[in-house]
Amino acid sequence: MAQPIRINKFFTEHGICSRREADRLIESGTITINGRPAKLGDQVSSDDVIACEGRVMPWGRANLYIKYHKPVGVTTTSESHIPRNIIAEIGHPQRIFPIGRLDKDSSGLILLTNDGDIVNEILRAEFGHEREYLVQVDHPFDQSFLHQLSRGVMILGSRTKPCRAMRIGHDQFRIILTEGRNRQIRRMCQALGYRVTKLHRTRIMHITAEGLRIGEWKELTSQERERLLQAVGRDRS
């Protein structure tokens, strides 16, 4: 039997909705535990039958969301025959897979999960979820370079979406994208006559790599998880 947890945490750990939405459902009287109306603060375990509007919510396998500080040299793939693939590097006992990609020559934050439904909700460009990077190029640039990046650059047959690019050094800049084409930043810089020498992702949406050492991973905090669920529309309030 699993250790008892608060009823609202059951809903967030199983990827059903955010804790705030779970509390709202509990207060509305639509959640039952073993046939009786649930109350805020109730504790539940795998022996309990939890239902929402009469539909039983199985315990099953909780959805898992991990953030990983990927080193240079690790390949973002689930294919086990690839040396230093990201799954082998993390070594998690559950079957997980990466959300999106971060190329072998780049480092920084990447998310992994066993929740297949959330992948497109995060990656689809029309949702406009931000990704932030620190970039170094092979020679100094002027302000027009940043303006061109921000307006959009022709790569792979179409123009990239407008973004934000800010100088942090004579050959370094910070860039915030809302789309994720294959090797997008490297291709954008190449189209403008520059070669990327260092690329590091620091943020995906509200989640950062702060506090993670290179090669380290950890599960999202409850706050990070709740905000993630809200951002992809699983908070229906």
Protein backbone atom coordinates (compact mmCIF):
# COMPACT_ATOMS: atom_id res chain seq x y z
CA MET A 1 0.00 0.00 0.00
CA ALA A 2 1.29 3.47 -0.88
CA GLN A 3 1.87 5.99 1.89
CA PRO A 4 -1.21 8.18 2.53
CA ILE A 5 -1.20 11.55 0.80
CA ARG A 6 -3.51 14.55 0.83
CA ILE A 7 -6.43 14.21 -1.56
CA ASN A 8 -5.44 17.27 -3.62
CA LYS A 9 -1.90 15.91 -3.99
CA PHE A 10 -3.38 12.68 -5.41
CA PHE A 11 -4.83 14.73 -8.29
CA THR A 12 -1.58 16.58 -9.06
CA GLU A 13 0.63 13.47 -8.78
CA HIS A 14 -1.58 11.66 -11.27
CA GLY A 15 -1.54 14.57 -13.73
CA ILE A 16 -5.30 15.10 -13.50
CA CYS A 17 -5.32 18.78 -12.57
CA SER A 18 -3.56 21.33 -10.39
CA ARG A 19 -3.90 21.36 -6.62
CA ARG A 20 -5.99 24.54 -6.78
CA GLU A 21 -8.41 22.92 -9.21
CA ALA A 22 -8.51 19.77 -7.06
CA ASP A 23 -9.46 21.88 -4.03
CA ARG A 24 -12.22 23.54 -6.05
CA LEU A 25 -13.59 20.15 -7.10
CA ILE A 26 -13.49 18.93 -3.50
CA GLU A 27 -15.31 22.03 -2.27
CA SER A 28 -17.95 21.59 -4.98
CA GLY A 29 -18.79 18.13 -3.62
CA THR A 30 -17.96 16.23 -6.82
CA ILE A 31 -15.12 14.17 -5.27
CA THR A 32 -15.85 11.12 -3.13
CA ILE A 33 -13.63 8.81 -1.09
CA ASN A 34 -15.10 5.36 -0.61
CA GLY A 35 -18.52 6.77 -1.45
CA ARG A 36 -18.51 9.71 0.98
CA PRO A 37 -17.91 13.33 -0.04
CA ALA A 38 -14.25 14.29 0.27
CA LYS A 39 -13.17 17.15 2.50
CA LEU A 40 -10.19 19.47 2.11
CA GLY A 41 -7.20 17.90 3.84
CA ASP A 42 -8.45 14.31 3.65
CA GLN A 43 -5.69 11.69 3.43
CA VAL A 44 -6.00 8.86 0.90
CA SER A 45 -4.04 5.70 0.08
CA SER A 46 -4.13 3.07 -2.64
CA ASP A 47 -6.77 1.15 -0.64
CA ASP A 48 -9.25 4.01 -1.09
CA VAL A 49 -11.67 4.39 -4.00
CA ILE A 50 -11.54 7.97 -5.25
CA ALA A 51 -14.18 9.15 -7.71
CA CYS A 52 -14.95 12.40 -9.53
CA GLU A 53 -18.64 12.82 -10.44
CA GLY A 54 -19.01 9.07 -9.98
CA ARG A 55 -16.05 8.14 -12.21
CA VAL A 56 -13.37 6.18 -10.35
CA MET A 57 -9.88 7.67 -10.60
CA PRO A 58 -7.38 4.76 -10.66
CA TRP A 59 -4.16 5.02 -8.69
CA GLY A 60 -2.17 3.38 -11.47
CA ARG A 61 1.23 4.88 -12.22
CA ALA A 62 1.65 8.49 -11.21
CA ASN A 63 2.79 10.88 -13.91
CA LEU A 64 6.43 11.78 -13.51
CA TYR A 65 8.08 15.07 -14.51
CA ILE A 66 11.86 15.43 -14.29
CA LYS A 67 14.28 18.26 -15.02
CA TYR A 68 17.82 17.39 -16.05
CA HIS A 69 20.95 19.48 -16.52
CA LYS A 70 22.25 17.88 -19.70
CA PRO A 71 26.01 17.97 -20.27
CA VAL A 72 27.59 18.46 -23.67
CA GLY A 73 28.07 15.03 -25.26
CA VAL A 74 24.78 13.47 -24.13
CA THR A 75 22.38 12.66 -27.00
CA THR A 76 18.69 13.40 -26.52
CA THR A 77 17.27 10.07 -27.64
CA SER A 78 15.49 7.08 -26.15
CA GLU A 79 17.35 4.67 -28.47
CA SER A 80 19.37 2.42 -26.17
CA HIS A 81 22.09 1.61 -28.74
CA ILE A 82 23.19 5.26 -28.97
CA PRO A 83 26.24 5.88 -26.74
CA ARG A 84 25.55 8.31 -23.87
CA ASN A 85 21.84 8.47 -24.65
CA ILE A 86 19.89 10.61 -22.20
CA ILE A 87 17.85 7.72 -20.76
CA ALA A 88 20.94 5.70 -19.85
CA GLU A 89 22.65 8.80 -18.41
CA ILE A 90 19.73 9.47 -16.05
CA GLY A 91 19.14 5.81 -15.19
CA HIS A 92 15.62 6.28 -13.84
CA PRO A 93 13.81 3.04 -12.92
CA GLN A 94 10.61 4.11 -14.69
CA ARG A 95 10.24 4.35 -18.46
CA ILE A 96 10.61 8.03 -19.30
CA PHE A 97 11.30 10.02 -22.45
CA PRO A 98 12.51 13.55 -23.21
CA ILE A 99 10.16 16.42 -24.02
CA GLY A 100 11.74 17.93 -27.13
CA ARG A 101 15.42 17.91 -27.91
CA LEU A 102 18.68 19.56 -26.97
CA ASP A 103 21.42 18.69 -29.43
CA LYS A 104 24.53 16.75 -28.44
CA ASP A 105 26.80 19.81 -28.60
CA SER A 106 24.50 21.86 -26.33
CA SER A 107 24.01 21.81 -22.57
CA GLY A 108 21.38 22.85 -20.10
CA LEU A 109 17.81 22.19 -19.08
CA ILE A 110 15.64 19.47 -20.59
CA LEU A 111 12.43 17.95 -19.23
CA LEU A 112 11.56 14.24 -19.22
CA THR A 113 8.30 12.49 -18.41
CA ASN A 114 6.21 9.34 -18.67
CA ASP A 115 3.15 11.49 -19.54
CA GLY A 116 2.74 11.19 -23.30
CA ASP A 117 -0.18 13.63 -23.43
CA ILE A 118 1.82 16.57 -22.14
CA VAL A 119 4.54 16.48 -24.81
CA ASN A 120 2.60 18.19 -27.62
CA GLU A 121 0.99 20.57 -25.12
CA ILE A 122 4.46 21.90 -24.29
CA LEU A 123 6.10 21.71 -27.72
CA ARG A 124 3.44 23.04 -30.10
CA ALA A 125 4.58 26.46 -31.28
CA GLU A 126 1.09 27.99 -31.26
CA PHE A 127 0.99 27.68 -27.47
CA GLY A 128 3.92 30.10 -27.26
CA HIS A 129 5.77 28.47 -24.36
CA GLU A 130 9.12 30.18 -23.82
CA ARG A 131 12.58 28.61 -23.89
CA GLU A 132 15.59 30.67 -22.89
CA TYR A 133 19.21 30.14 -23.96
CA LEU A 134 22.67 31.61 -23.44
CA VAL A 135 24.65 31.65 -26.69
CA GLN A 136 28.26 32.38 -27.62
CA VAL A 137 29.31 32.89 -31.25
CA ASP A 138 32.68 32.80 -32.97
CA HIS A 139 33.18 36.55 -33.37
CA PRO A 140 31.78 39.83 -32.01
CA PHE A 141 28.44 41.09 -33.34
CA ASP A 142 26.76 44.48 -33.62
CA GLN A 143 23.24 45.51 -32.66
CA SER A 144 21.88 44.78 -36.14
CA PHE A 145 22.63 41.08 -35.58
CA LEU A 146 20.33 41.04 -32.53
CA HIS A 147 17.65 42.98 -34.43
CA GLN A 148 17.72 40.44 -37.24
CA LEU A 149 17.44 37.53 -34.80
CA SER A 150 14.53 39.22 -33.07
CA ARG A 151 12.62 39.92 -36.29
CA GLY A 152 13.06 36.38 -37.60
CA VAL A 153 15.53 34.63 -39.90
CA MET A 154 14.93 32.46 -42.96
CA ILE A 155 15.91 28.86 -42.16
CA LEU A 156 14.64 25.55 -43.50
CA GLY A 157 12.48 27.34 -46.06
CA SER A 158 10.55 29.69 -43.77
CA ARG A 159 11.09 32.58 -41.39
CA THR A 160 11.45 31.95 -37.67
CA LYS A 161 8.93 33.53 -35.32
CA PRO A 162 9.84 36.85 -33.71
CA CYS A 163 11.82 36.38 -30.52
CA ARG A 164 13.79 38.34 -27.93
CA ALA A 165 17.59 38.62 -28.17
CA MET A 166 19.70 40.60 -25.69
CA ARG A 167 23.45 41.22 -25.56
CA ILE A 168 25.37 39.93 -22.53
CA GLY A 169 28.90 40.25 -23.97
CA HIS A 170 30.82 41.18 -27.10
CA ASP A 171 30.20 37.70 -28.54
CA GLN A 172 27.45 36.42 -26.20
CA PHE A 173 23.71 36.93 -26.06
CA ARG A 174 20.56 35.67 -24.39
CA ILE A 175 17.66 34.56 -26.61
CA ILE A 176 14.07 33.60 -25.76
CA LEU A 177 12.19 31.50 -28.33
CA THR A 178 8.59 30.32 -28.50
CA GLU A 179 9.25 27.61 -31.10
CA GLY A 180 11.77 24.79 -31.36
CA ARG A 181 12.89 23.90 -34.85
CA ASN A 182 15.75 21.49 -35.41
CA ARG A 183 19.02 23.21 -34.36
CA GLN A 184 17.16 26.50 -34.69
CA ILE A 185 19.56 28.88 -32.95
CA ARG A 186 22.60 27.42 -34.70
CA ARG A 187 20.86 27.73 -38.08
CA MET A 188 19.72 31.30 -37.36
CA CYS A 189 23.25 32.38 -36.48
CA GLN A 190 24.73 30.56 -39.47
CA ALA A 191 22.30 32.34 -41.80
CA LEU A 192 23.65 35.66 -40.46
CA GLY A 193 27.31 34.68 -40.82
CA TYR A 194 28.09 33.44 -37.31
CA ARG A 195 28.94 30.03 -35.87
CA VAL A 196 27.67 29.06 -32.43
CA THR A 197 30.52 27.93 -30.16
CA LYS A 198 28.48 27.45 -26.99
CA LEU A 199 24.75 26.93 -26.45
CA HIS A 200 23.17 26.48 -23.03
CA ARG A 201 19.44 26.33 -22.22
CA THR A 202 18.57 27.92 -18.89
CA ARG A 203 14.77 27.88 -18.86
CA ILE A 204 11.69 26.10 -20.23
CA MET A 205 8.55 28.08 -19.42
CA HIS A 206 8.80 28.79 -15.65
CA ILE A 207 11.22 25.90 -14.97
CA THR A 208 14.93 26.67 -14.66
CA ALA A 209 18.13 24.69 -14.22
CA GLU A 210 19.05 26.74 -11.15
CA GLY A 211 20.53 24.56 -8.42
CA LEU A 212 21.12 21.57 -10.72
CA ARG A 213 24.73 20.54 -11.16
CA ILE A 214 25.86 19.32 -14.58
CA GLY A 215 24.53 15.80 -15.08
CA GLU A 216 22.11 16.07 -12.14
CA TRP A 217 18.34 15.53 -12.33
CA LYS A 218 15.44 15.89 -9.94
CA GLU A 219 11.66 15.69 -10.02
CA LEU A 220 9.79 18.96 -10.39
CA THR A 221 8.70 20.54 -7.14
CA SER A 222 5.00 20.59 -6.41
CA GLN A 223 4.91 24.29 -7.32
CA GLU A 224 6.70 23.72 -10.62
CA ARG A 225 4.38 20.82 -11.39
CA GLU A 226 1.22 22.78 -10.62
CA ARG A 227 2.31 25.72 -12.79
CA LEU A 228 3.16 23.30 -15.58
CA LEU A 229 -0.31 21.75 -15.46
CA GLN A 230 -1.89 25.19 -15.41
CA ALA A 231 0.21 26.36 -18.37
CA VAL A 232 -0.92 23.46 -20.56
CA GLY A 233 -4.57 23.92 -19.71
CA ARG A 234 -5.14 21.16 -17.19
CA ASP A 235 -6.32 23.69 -14.64
CA ARG A 236 -9.89 24.18 -15.73
CA SER A 237 -10.79 26.88 -13.18
